[in-house]
């Protein structure tokens, strides 16, 4: 029914198709990159010890965050972060050179330990903004660069809380985290 010419065309077409698929198919053992950049967004509750006042003082900072993290479109995993830091000269007006360490626990069981050796902070219109840069030092995405951005609204009522002996001891707000392997 096909004849010699038809059979030759069919085999030639199959050979061409096989060659095209061979170029397009990944090599055996080839994988996609282990991790794409991870972007996390969530809410954070932060406490200060001692409380922030108008007098500069060394302040310990503890943040507890709940995140929704994504490393590719359509893939989201819950995560929690506990950050412990300090500011050598913190006031109600801002935290001078904040630094710290965060333990990030993903819902899939993996963990990232992140050091933030440097940061910038300030206050405008009642919001405290903190930007920290760091590196994953252990666990998932070890060696990756990290940027953490927090916008907090202080509890305790500004400016009145700043004038009390206890100062402002807590704040809450939005937090974003970006991990770039």
N, C-alpha and C. Protein backbone atom coordinates (compact mmCIF):
# COMPACT_ATOMS: atom_id res chain seq x y z
N UNK A 1 0.81 -1.19 0.00
CA UNK A 1 0.00 0.00 0.00
C UNK A 1 0.86 1.26 0.00
N UNK A 2 1.99 1.27 0.74
CA UNK A 2 2.84 2.43 0.78
C UNK A 2 3.89 2.41 -0.33
N UNK A 3 4.32 1.28 -0.67
CA UNK A 3 5.38 1.17 -1.65
C UNK A 3 6.72 1.49 -1.04
N UNK A 4 7.77 1.30 -1.82
CA UNK A 4 9.12 1.54 -1.33
C UNK A 4 9.35 3.00 -0.99
N UNK A 5 8.81 3.88 -1.80
CA UNK A 5 9.00 5.31 -1.55
C UNK A 5 8.27 5.74 -0.27
N UNK A 6 7.06 5.29 -0.03
CA UNK A 6 6.28 5.63 1.17
C UNK A 6 6.95 5.14 2.44
N UNK A 7 7.51 3.93 2.37
CA UNK A 7 8.21 3.39 3.54
C UNK A 7 9.46 4.21 3.82
N UNK A 8 10.16 4.63 2.77
CA UNK A 8 11.36 5.46 2.96
C UNK A 8 11.01 6.81 3.57
N UNK A 9 9.91 7.42 3.11
CA UNK A 9 9.48 8.72 3.67
C UNK A 9 9.09 8.55 5.14
N UNK A 10 8.38 7.46 5.46
CA UNK A 10 7.96 7.23 6.84
C UNK A 10 9.17 7.06 7.75
N UNK A 11 10.16 6.24 7.33
CA UNK A 11 11.36 6.05 8.15
C UNK A 11 12.17 7.34 8.27
N UNK A 12 12.24 8.10 7.18
CA UNK A 12 12.95 9.38 7.22
C UNK A 12 12.28 10.35 8.19
N UNK A 13 10.94 10.37 8.18
CA UNK A 13 10.20 11.24 9.10
C UNK A 13 10.43 10.82 10.55
N UNK A 14 10.41 9.52 10.81
CA UNK A 14 10.66 9.03 12.17
C UNK A 14 12.08 9.37 12.63
N UNK A 15 13.04 9.23 11.73
CA UNK A 15 14.42 9.57 12.08
C UNK A 15 14.55 11.05 12.40
N UNK A 16 13.90 11.90 11.58
CA UNK A 16 13.93 13.35 11.81
C UNK A 16 13.26 13.70 13.14
N UNK A 17 12.12 13.08 13.40
CA UNK A 17 11.41 13.32 14.65
C UNK A 17 12.27 12.89 15.84
N UNK A 18 12.91 11.73 15.74
CA UNK A 18 13.78 11.24 16.82
C UNK A 18 14.94 12.18 17.05
N UNK A 19 15.53 12.71 15.98
CA UNK A 19 16.64 13.65 16.12
C UNK A 19 16.18 14.92 16.81
N UNK A 20 15.01 15.44 16.42
CA UNK A 20 14.48 16.66 17.05
C UNK A 20 14.21 16.44 18.53
N UNK A 21 13.61 15.29 18.86
CA UNK A 21 13.34 15.00 20.27
C UNK A 21 14.63 14.82 21.04
N UNK A 22 15.61 14.25 20.41
CA UNK A 22 16.91 14.07 21.06
C UNK A 22 17.54 15.39 21.42
N UNK A 23 17.40 16.41 20.58
CA UNK A 23 17.94 17.73 20.89
C UNK A 23 17.14 18.40 22.00
N UNK A 24 15.85 18.18 22.04
CA UNK A 24 15.01 18.87 23.02
C UNK A 24 14.98 18.19 24.38
N UNK A 25 15.16 16.89 24.41
CA UNK A 25 15.06 16.17 25.68
C UNK A 25 16.28 16.45 26.55
N UNK A 26 16.10 16.53 27.85
CA UNK A 26 17.25 16.75 28.73
C UNK A 26 18.12 15.51 28.78
N UNK A 27 19.36 15.72 29.05
CA UNK A 27 20.29 14.61 29.17
C UNK A 27 19.92 13.77 30.39
N UNK A 28 20.25 12.50 30.34
CA UNK A 28 19.97 11.61 31.45
C UNK A 28 20.70 12.14 32.69
N UNK A 29 19.98 12.24 33.80
CA UNK A 29 20.59 12.73 35.04
C UNK A 29 20.56 14.24 35.18
N UNK A 30 20.11 14.95 34.13
CA UNK A 30 20.04 16.40 34.23
C UNK A 30 18.83 16.79 35.07
N UNK A 31 18.98 17.83 35.89
CA UNK A 31 17.91 18.27 36.76
C UNK A 31 17.75 19.78 36.64
N UNK A 32 16.57 20.24 37.04
CA UNK A 32 16.35 21.68 37.15
C UNK A 32 17.20 22.19 38.31
N UNK A 33 17.44 23.50 38.40
CA UNK A 33 18.21 24.02 39.53
C UNK A 33 17.58 23.57 40.85
N UNK A 34 18.43 23.29 41.85
CA UNK A 34 17.97 22.78 43.13
C UNK A 34 16.94 23.70 43.76
N UNK A 35 17.18 24.98 43.79
CA UNK A 35 16.24 25.91 44.37
C UNK A 35 16.28 27.23 43.61
N UNK A 36 15.13 27.73 43.29
CA UNK A 36 15.01 29.06 42.71
C UNK A 36 14.97 30.06 43.87
N UNK A 37 15.02 31.36 43.59
CA UNK A 37 14.87 32.32 44.68
C UNK A 37 13.59 32.06 45.47
N UNK A 38 13.68 32.21 46.77
CA UNK A 38 12.53 32.00 47.65
C UNK A 38 12.05 33.38 48.11
N UNK A 39 10.76 33.62 47.98
CA UNK A 39 10.16 34.87 48.44
C UNK A 39 9.12 34.53 49.49
N UNK A 40 9.24 35.16 50.66
CA UNK A 40 8.31 34.92 51.76
C UNK A 40 7.66 36.24 52.17
N UNK A 41 6.39 36.17 52.48
CA UNK A 41 5.66 37.33 52.99
C UNK A 41 4.85 36.88 54.19
N UNK A 42 4.72 37.77 55.17
CA UNK A 42 3.95 37.40 56.34
C UNK A 42 3.81 38.50 57.35
N UNK A 43 3.56 38.08 58.58
CA UNK A 43 3.35 39.00 59.70
C UNK A 43 4.35 38.67 60.80
N UNK A 44 4.78 39.72 61.51
CA UNK A 44 5.74 39.54 62.58
C UNK A 44 5.31 40.29 63.83
N UNK A 45 5.52 39.66 64.98
CA UNK A 45 5.40 40.31 66.28
C UNK A 45 6.80 40.46 66.83
N UNK A 46 7.15 41.67 67.23
CA UNK A 46 8.50 41.97 67.70
C UNK A 46 8.43 42.50 69.13
N UNK A 47 9.39 42.06 69.96
CA UNK A 47 9.50 42.59 71.31
C UNK A 47 10.88 43.20 71.50
N UNK A 48 10.94 44.23 72.34
CA UNK A 48 12.18 44.95 72.64
C UNK A 48 12.46 44.84 74.13
N UNK A 49 13.72 44.60 74.48
CA UNK A 49 14.10 44.52 75.88
C UNK A 49 15.45 45.20 76.06
N UNK A 50 15.55 46.25 76.84
CA UNK A 50 14.45 46.99 77.45
C UNK A 50 13.61 47.69 76.39
N UNK A 51 12.47 48.22 76.82
CA UNK A 51 11.58 48.93 75.90
C UNK A 51 12.24 50.15 75.29
N UNK A 52 11.78 50.52 74.09
CA UNK A 52 12.32 51.69 73.40
C UNK A 52 11.81 52.98 74.04
N UNK A 53 12.74 53.88 74.32
CA UNK A 53 12.41 55.20 74.87
C UNK A 53 13.08 56.25 74.00
N UNK A 54 13.15 57.46 74.48
CA UNK A 54 13.85 58.52 73.74
C UNK A 54 15.34 58.54 74.04
N UNK A 55 15.76 57.76 75.05
CA UNK A 55 17.17 57.69 75.43
C UNK A 55 17.84 56.51 74.71
N UNK A 56 18.92 56.74 73.97
CA UNK A 56 19.61 55.64 73.29
C UNK A 56 20.15 54.62 74.28
N UNK A 57 19.93 53.35 73.98
CA UNK A 57 20.43 52.27 74.82
C UNK A 57 20.53 50.98 74.01
N UNK A 58 21.36 50.06 74.47
CA UNK A 58 21.46 48.76 73.80
C UNK A 58 20.14 48.02 74.01
N UNK A 59 19.61 47.49 72.91
CA UNK A 59 18.30 46.84 72.94
C UNK A 59 18.40 45.44 72.32
N UNK A 60 17.82 44.46 73.01
CA UNK A 60 17.68 43.12 72.44
C UNK A 60 16.34 43.07 71.72
N UNK A 61 16.32 42.43 70.55
CA UNK A 61 15.13 42.39 69.72
C UNK A 61 14.80 40.92 69.45
N UNK A 62 13.53 40.57 69.58
CA UNK A 62 13.08 39.21 69.26
C UNK A 62 11.85 39.31 68.37
N UNK A 63 11.91 38.67 67.22
CA UNK A 63 10.79 38.67 66.29
C UNK A 63 10.29 37.27 66.04
N UNK A 64 8.98 37.10 66.00
CA UNK A 64 8.35 35.83 65.66
C UNK A 64 7.48 36.07 64.44
N UNK A 65 7.82 35.40 63.32
CA UNK A 65 7.14 35.64 62.06
C UNK A 65 6.45 34.39 61.55
N UNK A 66 5.32 34.60 60.88
CA UNK A 66 4.62 33.54 60.15
C UNK A 66 4.65 33.94 58.68
N UNK A 67 5.18 33.06 57.83
CA UNK A 67 5.37 33.37 56.41
C UNK A 67 4.57 32.43 55.52
N UNK A 68 4.30 32.90 54.31
CA UNK A 68 3.91 32.07 53.17
C UNK A 68 5.03 32.25 52.16
N UNK A 69 5.75 31.15 51.85
CA UNK A 69 6.94 31.22 50.99
C UNK A 69 6.69 30.53 49.66
N UNK A 70 7.31 31.06 48.62
CA UNK A 70 7.17 30.49 47.29
C UNK A 70 8.52 30.47 46.59
N UNK A 71 8.86 29.34 45.95
CA UNK A 71 10.09 29.26 45.18
C UNK A 71 9.82 29.08 43.69
N UNK A 72 8.53 29.02 43.33
CA UNK A 72 8.13 28.95 41.92
C UNK A 72 6.64 29.24 41.86
N UNK A 73 6.13 29.66 40.70
CA UNK A 73 4.70 29.97 40.58
C UNK A 73 3.83 28.78 40.96
N UNK A 74 2.83 29.04 41.76
CA UNK A 74 1.89 28.01 42.16
C UNK A 74 2.35 27.09 43.27
N UNK A 75 3.54 27.30 43.81
CA UNK A 75 4.06 26.45 44.88
C UNK A 75 4.31 27.31 46.11
N UNK A 76 3.49 27.13 47.14
CA UNK A 76 3.62 27.90 48.38
C UNK A 76 3.74 26.95 49.55
N UNK A 77 4.62 27.27 50.46
CA UNK A 77 4.79 26.48 51.67
C UNK A 77 4.80 27.44 52.87
N UNK A 78 4.16 27.04 53.94
CA UNK A 78 4.15 27.85 55.16
C UNK A 78 5.51 27.75 55.84
N UNK A 79 5.87 28.79 56.55
CA UNK A 79 7.14 28.80 57.29
C UNK A 79 6.98 29.69 58.52
N UNK A 80 7.82 29.43 59.51
CA UNK A 80 7.88 30.28 60.68
C UNK A 80 9.32 30.71 60.88
N UNK A 81 9.49 31.90 61.39
CA UNK A 81 10.83 32.40 61.66
C UNK A 81 10.91 32.97 63.06
N UNK A 82 12.02 32.68 63.72
CA UNK A 82 12.31 33.29 65.03
C UNK A 82 13.63 34.01 64.86
N UNK A 83 13.58 35.33 65.03
CA UNK A 83 14.76 36.17 64.87
C UNK A 83 15.16 36.76 66.22
N UNK A 84 16.44 36.68 66.53
CA UNK A 84 16.99 37.31 67.72
C UNK A 84 18.07 38.27 67.27
N UNK A 85 17.96 39.52 67.73
CA UNK A 85 18.92 40.52 67.30
C UNK A 85 19.20 41.53 68.38
N UNK A 86 19.91 42.58 67.94
CA UNK A 86 20.25 43.66 68.86
C UNK A 86 20.49 44.93 68.10
N UNK A 87 20.41 46.01 68.82
CA UNK A 87 20.80 47.32 68.32
C UNK A 87 21.64 47.96 69.41
N UNK A 88 22.85 48.40 69.09
CA UNK A 88 23.68 49.00 70.14
C UNK A 88 23.15 50.34 70.64
N UNK A 89 22.24 50.93 69.87
CA UNK A 89 21.72 52.24 70.26
C UNK A 89 20.31 52.41 69.73
N UNK A 90 19.34 51.77 70.41
CA UNK A 90 17.96 51.82 69.97
C UNK A 90 17.15 52.86 70.72
N UNK A 91 16.27 53.55 69.99
CA UNK A 91 15.35 54.51 70.59
C UNK A 91 14.01 54.38 69.87
N UNK A 92 13.03 55.14 70.32
CA UNK A 92 11.74 55.19 69.64
C UNK A 92 11.88 55.79 68.24
N UNK A 93 12.96 56.50 68.00
CA UNK A 93 13.16 57.11 66.69
C UNK A 93 13.78 56.15 65.68
N UNK A 94 14.35 55.06 66.17
CA UNK A 94 14.94 54.09 65.26
C UNK A 94 15.96 53.21 65.94
N UNK A 95 16.32 52.14 65.26
CA UNK A 95 17.33 51.20 65.75
C UNK A 95 18.61 51.47 64.98
N UNK A 96 19.67 51.75 65.71
CA UNK A 96 20.96 52.04 65.07
C UNK A 96 21.67 50.72 64.78
N UNK A 97 22.06 50.51 63.53
CA UNK A 97 22.77 49.31 63.04
C UNK A 97 22.28 48.00 63.66
N UNK A 98 21.01 47.65 63.40
CA UNK A 98 20.51 46.38 63.92
C UNK A 98 21.21 45.19 63.25
N UNK A 99 21.32 44.10 63.98
CA UNK A 99 21.89 42.86 63.46
C UNK A 99 21.19 41.71 64.16
N UNK A 100 21.37 40.48 63.63
CA UNK A 100 20.73 39.36 64.29
C UNK A 100 20.89 38.04 63.56
N UNK A 101 20.09 37.08 64.01
CA UNK A 101 20.11 35.71 63.49
C UNK A 101 18.67 35.22 63.46
N UNK A 102 18.30 34.54 62.37
CA UNK A 102 16.94 34.00 62.24
C UNK A 102 17.00 32.51 61.94
N UNK A 103 16.13 31.76 62.58
CA UNK A 103 15.93 30.35 62.26
C UNK A 103 14.60 30.27 61.53
N UNK A 104 14.67 29.85 60.26
CA UNK A 104 13.50 29.77 59.39
C UNK A 104 13.14 28.30 59.22
N UNK A 105 11.94 27.91 59.67
CA UNK A 105 11.48 26.52 59.58
C UNK A 105 10.34 26.44 58.57
N UNK A 106 10.60 25.69 57.49
CA UNK A 106 9.60 25.51 56.44
C UNK A 106 8.63 24.40 56.82
N UNK A 107 7.41 24.47 56.29
CA UNK A 107 6.40 23.45 56.53
C UNK A 107 6.78 22.08 56.02
N UNK A 108 7.73 22.00 55.08
CA UNK A 108 8.17 20.70 54.57
C UNK A 108 9.25 20.05 55.44
N UNK A 109 9.61 20.71 56.56
CA UNK A 109 10.58 20.16 57.48
C UNK A 109 11.99 20.70 57.33
N UNK A 110 12.29 21.40 56.24
CA UNK A 110 13.64 21.95 56.06
C UNK A 110 13.81 23.21 56.90
N UNK A 111 15.07 23.53 57.19
CA UNK A 111 15.41 24.66 58.06
C UNK A 111 16.54 25.46 57.43
N UNK A 112 16.48 26.78 57.55
CA UNK A 112 17.57 27.67 57.16
C UNK A 112 17.98 28.50 58.37
N UNK A 113 19.28 28.57 58.62
CA UNK A 113 19.83 29.43 59.67
C UNK A 113 20.43 30.64 58.96
N UNK A 114 19.97 31.83 59.31
CA UNK A 114 20.36 33.04 58.60
C UNK A 114 21.02 34.03 59.56
N UNK A 115 22.20 34.53 59.19
CA UNK A 115 22.87 35.60 59.94
C UNK A 115 22.66 36.91 59.21
N UNK A 116 22.30 37.94 59.96
CA UNK A 116 22.14 39.30 59.44
C UNK A 116 23.18 40.19 60.14
N UNK A 117 24.37 40.35 59.56
CA UNK A 117 25.40 41.14 60.23
C UNK A 117 25.17 42.64 60.14
N UNK A 118 24.31 43.07 59.24
CA UNK A 118 24.14 44.51 59.05
C UNK A 118 22.69 44.84 58.72
N UNK A 119 22.31 46.05 59.10
CA UNK A 119 20.96 46.49 58.81
C UNK A 119 20.81 47.99 58.93
N UNK A 120 19.69 48.47 58.43
CA UNK A 120 19.35 49.89 58.51
C UNK A 120 17.92 49.99 59.02
N UNK A 121 17.65 50.99 59.84
CA UNK A 121 16.31 51.15 60.38
C UNK A 121 16.00 52.62 60.55
N UNK A 122 14.71 52.92 60.54
CA UNK A 122 14.27 54.30 60.75
C UNK A 122 12.80 54.33 61.08
N UNK A 123 12.30 55.50 61.36
CA UNK A 123 10.88 55.67 61.68
C UNK A 123 10.36 56.87 60.90
N UNK A 124 9.19 56.66 60.29
CA UNK A 124 8.51 57.75 59.58
C UNK A 124 7.01 57.52 59.69
N UNK A 125 6.29 58.57 60.02
CA UNK A 125 4.82 58.53 60.12
C UNK A 125 4.33 57.39 61.03
N UNK A 126 5.05 57.14 62.10
CA UNK A 126 4.64 56.13 63.06
C UNK A 126 5.05 54.71 62.72
N UNK A 127 5.60 54.48 61.52
CA UNK A 127 6.04 53.14 61.13
C UNK A 127 7.54 53.01 61.33
N UNK A 128 7.95 51.89 61.89
CA UNK A 128 9.35 51.57 62.01
C UNK A 128 9.69 50.64 60.86
N UNK A 129 10.69 51.01 60.06
CA UNK A 129 11.11 50.16 58.95
C UNK A 129 12.53 49.65 59.22
N UNK A 130 12.72 48.36 58.98
CA UNK A 130 14.02 47.73 59.20
C UNK A 130 14.36 46.93 57.95
N UNK A 131 15.57 47.10 57.47
CA UNK A 131 16.06 46.33 56.32
C UNK A 131 17.36 45.65 56.73
N UNK A 132 17.36 44.32 56.69
CA UNK A 132 18.52 43.54 57.07
C UNK A 132 19.03 42.76 55.86
N UNK A 133 20.35 42.66 55.75
CA UNK A 133 20.97 41.85 54.70
C UNK A 133 21.82 40.79 55.38
N UNK A 134 21.79 39.58 54.81
CA UNK A 134 22.55 38.51 55.42
C UNK A 134 22.79 37.35 54.50
N UNK A 135 23.14 36.22 55.12
CA UNK A 135 23.50 35.00 54.39
C UNK A 135 22.96 33.79 55.14
N UNK A 136 22.51 32.78 54.38
CA UNK A 136 22.13 31.52 54.99
C UNK A 136 23.43 30.81 55.37
N UNK A 137 23.62 30.55 56.67
CA UNK A 137 24.87 29.96 57.15
C UNK A 137 24.78 28.45 57.38
N UNK A 138 23.55 27.92 57.41
CA UNK A 138 23.39 26.48 57.59
C UNK A 138 22.01 26.05 57.09
N UNK A 139 21.91 24.79 56.67
CA UNK A 139 20.63 24.23 56.27
C UNK A 139 20.28 24.51 54.82
N UNK A 140 18.99 24.55 54.55
CA UNK A 140 18.48 24.76 53.19
C UNK A 140 19.03 26.07 52.62
N UNK A 141 19.50 26.02 51.40
CA UNK A 141 20.03 27.18 50.66
C UNK A 141 21.28 27.77 51.31
N UNK A 142 22.09 26.94 51.98
CA UNK A 142 23.32 27.43 52.60
C UNK A 142 24.15 28.21 51.59
N UNK A 143 24.63 29.38 51.99
CA UNK A 143 25.44 30.24 51.14
C UNK A 143 24.64 31.28 50.38
N UNK A 144 23.31 31.19 50.41
CA UNK A 144 22.45 32.12 49.67
C UNK A 144 22.43 33.50 50.34
N UNK A 145 22.26 34.53 49.53
CA UNK A 145 22.08 35.89 50.04
C UNK A 145 20.64 36.08 50.48
N UNK A 146 20.44 36.86 51.54
CA UNK A 146 19.10 37.08 52.10
C UNK A 146 18.89 38.56 52.34
N UNK A 147 17.67 39.00 52.06
CA UNK A 147 17.27 40.36 52.40
C UNK A 147 15.94 40.26 53.14
N UNK A 148 15.85 40.96 54.28
CA UNK A 148 14.65 40.94 55.12
C UNK A 148 14.19 42.38 55.32
N UNK A 149 12.91 42.62 55.07
CA UNK A 149 12.34 43.96 55.18
C UNK A 149 11.12 43.89 56.08
N UNK A 150 11.09 44.74 57.12
CA UNK A 150 10.02 44.72 58.11
C UNK A 150 9.44 46.12 58.25
N UNK A 151 8.11 46.22 58.29
CA UNK A 151 7.42 47.48 58.60
C UNK A 151 6.55 47.22 59.82
N UNK A 152 6.88 47.88 60.92
CA UNK A 152 6.21 47.62 62.19
C UNK A 152 5.46 48.85 62.71
N UNK A 153 4.30 48.59 63.30
CA UNK A 153 3.55 49.62 64.00
C UNK A 153 3.71 49.33 65.49
N UNK A 154 4.28 50.26 66.25
CA UNK A 154 4.54 49.99 67.66
C UNK A 154 3.26 49.89 68.48
N UNK A 155 3.28 48.96 69.43
CA UNK A 155 2.21 48.88 70.41
C UNK A 155 2.57 49.81 71.56
N UNK A 156 1.65 50.09 72.42
CA UNK A 156 1.96 50.94 73.57
C UNK A 156 1.72 52.40 73.28
N UNK A 157 1.28 52.72 72.09
CA UNK A 157 0.87 54.08 71.76
C UNK A 157 1.97 55.10 71.68
N UNK A 158 2.43 55.38 70.48
CA UNK A 158 3.39 56.47 70.29
C UNK A 158 2.63 57.78 70.34
N UNK A 159 3.19 58.85 70.75
CA UNK A 159 4.50 58.97 71.37
C UNK A 159 4.48 58.74 72.87
N UNK A 160 3.29 58.50 73.46
CA UNK A 160 3.17 58.38 74.91
C UNK A 160 4.03 57.23 75.45
N UNK A 161 4.04 56.07 74.79
CA UNK A 161 4.81 54.93 75.26
C UNK A 161 6.29 55.23 75.36
N UNK A 162 6.80 56.09 74.50
CA UNK A 162 8.22 56.45 74.53
C UNK A 162 8.58 57.26 75.76
N UNK A 163 7.61 57.90 76.38
CA UNK A 163 7.85 58.77 77.52
C UNK A 163 7.74 58.05 78.86
N UNK A 164 7.30 56.80 78.85
CA UNK A 164 7.18 56.04 80.09
C UNK A 164 8.50 55.36 80.43
N UNK A 165 8.72 55.02 81.70
CA UNK A 165 9.95 54.31 82.06
C UNK A 165 10.09 52.94 81.36
N UNK A 166 8.95 52.27 81.11
CA UNK A 166 8.99 50.96 80.43
C UNK A 166 9.28 51.08 78.95
N UNK A 167 8.89 52.20 78.35
CA UNK A 167 9.08 52.38 76.92
C UNK A 167 8.16 51.49 76.09
N UNK A 168 8.39 51.49 74.80
CA UNK A 168 7.62 50.67 73.87
C UNK A 168 8.26 49.29 73.84
N UNK A 169 7.52 48.28 74.24
CA UNK A 169 8.08 46.93 74.37
C UNK A 169 7.69 45.99 73.23
N UNK A 170 6.74 46.38 72.39
CA UNK A 170 6.35 45.48 71.32
C UNK A 170 5.87 46.24 70.10
N UNK A 171 5.90 45.56 68.98
CA UNK A 171 5.43 46.10 67.70
C UNK A 171 4.97 44.93 66.85
N UNK A 172 4.15 45.21 65.86
CA UNK A 172 3.67 44.17 64.95
C UNK A 172 3.55 44.77 63.55
N UNK A 173 3.69 43.92 62.55
CA UNK A 173 3.54 44.41 61.19
C UNK A 173 3.91 43.38 60.14
N UNK A 174 4.14 43.88 58.93
CA UNK A 174 4.43 43.04 57.78
C UNK A 174 5.92 42.77 57.65
N UNK A 175 6.25 41.56 57.17
CA UNK A 175 7.64 41.18 56.96
C UNK A 175 7.76 40.50 55.60
N UNK A 176 8.85 40.79 54.89
CA UNK A 176 9.17 40.14 53.62
C UNK A 176 10.59 39.60 53.70
N UNK A 177 10.78 38.47 53.06
CA UNK A 177 12.08 37.80 53.06
C UNK A 177 12.36 37.32 51.65
N UNK A 178 13.58 37.55 51.17
CA UNK A 178 13.98 37.07 49.85
C UNK A 178 15.31 36.36 49.98
N UNK A 179 15.33 35.08 49.56
CA UNK A 179 16.53 34.26 49.62
C UNK A 179 16.94 33.95 48.19
N UNK A 180 18.15 34.35 47.82
CA UNK A 180 18.64 34.15 46.45
C UNK A 180 19.83 33.20 46.46
N UNK A 181 19.61 31.91 46.06
CA UNK A 181 20.71 30.93 46.05
C UNK A 181 21.81 31.29 45.06
